[in-house]
Amino acid sequence: MTVDAVLNVASETIWTIIVTSAPLLLLSLVVGLIISIFQTVTSIQEQTLTFIPKILATFLGMLIFGSFILNTIVSFMEQLWNSFGEYV
């Protein structure tokens, strides 16, 4: 296995991680921002207020984006297994 092949697999792995984690991270970011704006407007300074909405948004995001995430990871793993002979 050459250095180029290792770098190629590593870059594809990092890109797959970014693509699969981005929807849930962005959703959590948006919910946190909305809750923070709400807290600022209403002068509520409760720091634990953001946990439940973020958890619910993440679970909802898993329901919505779960098939996309799973299909992306499965296709990446199939690509790795199909090219396993080249790596050995």
C-alpha atoms as a PDB file:
ATOM      1  CA  MET A   1       0.000   0.000   0.000  1.00  0.00           C
ATOM      2  CA  THR A   2       1.503   3.286  -1.063  1.00  0.00           C
ATOM      3  CA  VAL A   3       1.543   6.583   0.764  1.00  0.00           C
ATOM      4  CA  ASP A   4      -0.852   8.054  -1.807  1.00  0.00           C
ATOM      5  CA  ALA A   5      -3.379   5.296  -1.159  1.00  0.00           C
ATOM      6  CA  VAL A   6      -3.196   5.843   2.596  1.00  0.00           C
ATOM      7  CA  LEU A   7      -3.664   9.593   2.177  1.00  0.00           C
ATOM      8  CA  ASN A   8      -6.550   9.003  -0.212  1.00  0.00           C
ATOM      9  CA  VAL A   9      -8.338   6.668   2.233  1.00  0.00           C
ATOM     10  CA  ALA A  10      -7.680   9.067   5.107  1.00  0.00           C
ATOM     11  CA  SER A  11      -9.051  12.061   3.206  1.00  0.00           C
ATOM     12  CA  GLU A  12     -12.135  10.115   2.110  1.00  0.00           C
ATOM     13  CA  THR A  13     -12.679   9.019   5.708  1.00  0.00           C
ATOM     14  CA  ILE A  14     -12.451  12.576   7.027  1.00  0.00           C
ATOM     15  CA  TRP A  15     -14.786  13.817   4.300  1.00  0.00           C
ATOM     16  CA  THR A  16     -17.313  11.086   5.129  1.00  0.00           C
ATOM     17  CA  ILE A  17     -17.177  12.041   8.808  1.00  0.00           C
ATOM     18  CA  ILE A  18     -17.791  15.692   7.947  1.00  0.00           C
ATOM     19  CA  VAL A  19     -20.678  14.922   5.583  1.00  0.00           C
ATOM     20  CA  THR A  20     -22.408  12.532   7.974  1.00  0.00           C
ATOM     21  CA  SER A  21     -22.061  14.693  11.073  1.00  0.00           C
ATOM     22  CA  ALA A  22     -22.884  18.056   9.487  1.00  0.00           C
ATOM     23  CA  PRO A  23     -26.714  17.798   9.434  1.00  0.00           C
ATOM     24  CA  LEU A  24     -27.014  17.002  13.142  1.00  0.00           C
ATOM     25  CA  LEU A  25     -24.377  19.529  14.171  1.00  0.00           C
ATOM     26  CA  LEU A  26     -25.998  22.296  12.133  1.00  0.00           C
ATOM     27  CA  LEU A  27     -29.421  21.442  13.512  1.00  0.00           C
ATOM     28  CA  SER A  28     -28.101  21.552  17.059  1.00  0.00           C
ATOM     29  CA  LEU A  29     -26.360  24.845  16.314  1.00  0.00           C
ATOM     30  CA  VAL A  30     -29.540  26.435  14.968  1.00  0.00           C
ATOM     31  CA  VAL A  31     -31.632  25.244  17.923  1.00  0.00           C
ATOM     32  CA  GLY A  32     -29.011  26.511  20.370  1.00  0.00           C
ATOM     33  CA  LEU A  33     -28.921  29.877  18.626  1.00  0.00           C
ATOM     34  CA  ILE A  34     -32.711  30.201  18.728  1.00  0.00           C
ATOM     35  CA  ILE A  35     -32.806  29.301  22.427  1.00  0.00           C
ATOM     36  CA  SER A  36     -29.988  31.773  23.153  1.00  0.00           C
ATOM     37  CA  ILE A  37     -31.861  34.564  21.385  1.00  0.00           C
ATOM     38  CA  PHE A  38     -35.001  33.647  23.327  1.00  0.00           C
ATOM     39  CA  GLN A  39     -33.051  33.744  26.587  1.00  0.00           C
ATOM     40  CA  THR A  40     -31.589  37.133  25.725  1.00  0.00           C
ATOM     41  CA  VAL A  41     -34.940  38.630  24.801  1.00  0.00           C
ATOM     42  CA  THR A  42     -36.727  37.321  27.894  1.00  0.00           C
ATOM     43  CA  SER A  43     -33.769  37.830  30.282  1.00  0.00           C
ATOM     44  CA  ILE A  44     -33.955  34.181  31.377  1.00  0.00           C
ATOM     45  CA  GLN A  45     -30.454  33.139  32.397  1.00  0.00           C
ATOM     46  CA  GLU A  46     -31.080  29.437  33.003  1.00  0.00           C
ATOM     47  CA  GLN A  47     -28.112  27.574  31.525  1.00  0.00           C
ATOM     48  CA  THR A  48     -29.792  24.175  31.448  1.00  0.00           C
ATOM     49  CA  LEU A  49     -32.658  25.413  29.262  1.00  0.00           C
ATOM     50  CA  THR A  50     -30.898  24.500  26.011  1.00  0.00           C
ATOM     51  CA  PHE A  51     -30.299  20.814  26.770  1.00  0.00           C
ATOM     52  CA  ILE A  52     -33.799  19.388  26.237  1.00  0.00           C
ATOM     53  CA  PRO A  53     -34.537  21.263  22.959  1.00  0.00           C
ATOM     54  CA  LYS A  54     -31.124  20.294  21.576  1.00  0.00           C
ATOM     55  CA  ILE A  55     -31.627  16.641  22.504  1.00  0.00           C
ATOM     56  CA  LEU A  56     -35.110  16.610  20.958  1.00  0.00           C
ATOM     57  CA  ALA A  57     -33.802  18.328  17.818  1.00  0.00           C
ATOM     58  CA  THR A  58     -30.984  15.805  17.557  1.00  0.00           C
ATOM     59  CA  PHE A  59     -33.402  12.873  17.867  1.00  0.00           C
ATOM     60  CA  LEU A  60     -35.680  14.457  15.274  1.00  0.00           C
ATOM     61  CA  GLY A  61     -32.664  15.012  13.052  1.00  0.00           C
ATOM     62  CA  MET A  62     -31.715  11.361  13.429  1.00  0.00           C
ATOM     63  CA  LEU A  63     -35.201  10.395  12.269  1.00  0.00           C
ATOM     64  CA  ILE A  64     -34.986  12.725   9.276  1.00  0.00           C
ATOM     65  CA  PHE A  65     -31.316  12.340   8.282  1.00  0.00           C
ATOM     66  CA  GLY A  66     -30.694   8.821   9.614  1.00  0.00           C
ATOM     67  CA  SER A  67     -31.167   7.064   6.287  1.00  0.00           C
ATOM     68  CA  PHE A  68     -28.849   9.526   4.534  1.00  0.00           C
ATOM     69  CA  ILE A  69     -26.174   9.052   7.186  1.00  0.00           C
ATOM     70  CA  LEU A  70     -26.495   5.264   7.106  1.00  0.00           C
ATOM     71  CA  ASN A  71     -26.428   5.101   3.293  1.00  0.00           C
ATOM     72  CA  THR A  72     -23.345   7.326   3.168  1.00  0.00           C
ATOM     73  CA  ILE A  73     -21.457   5.212   5.700  1.00  0.00           C
ATOM     74  CA  VAL A  74     -22.518   1.934   4.055  1.00  0.00           C
ATOM     75  CA  SER A  75     -21.433   3.109   0.600  1.00  0.00           C
ATOM     76  CA  PHE A  76     -18.084   4.242   2.005  1.00  0.00           C
ATOM     77  CA  MET A  77     -17.557   0.877   3.692  1.00  0.00           C
ATOM     78  CA  GLU A  78     -18.538  -0.975   0.509  1.00  0.00           C
ATOM     79  CA  GLN A  79     -16.001   1.102  -1.392  1.00  0.00           C
ATOM     80  CA  LEU A  80     -13.324   0.218   1.161  1.00  0.00           C
ATOM     81  CA  TRP A  81     -14.146  -3.488   1.087  1.00  0.00           C
ATOM     82  CA  ASN A  82     -14.282  -3.583  -2.724  1.00  0.00           C
ATOM     83  CA  SER A  83     -10.812  -2.065  -2.965  1.00  0.00           C
ATOM     84  CA  PHE A  84      -9.393  -4.170  -0.116  1.00  0.00           C
ATOM     85  CA  GLY A  85      -7.418  -6.304  -2.563  1.00  0.00           C
ATOM     86  CA  GLU A  86      -5.556  -3.244  -3.811  1.00  0.00           C
ATOM     87  CA  TYR A  87      -4.552  -2.294  -0.281  1.00  0.00           C
ATOM     88  CA  VAL A  88      -3.092  -5.672   0.653  1.00  0.00           C
END
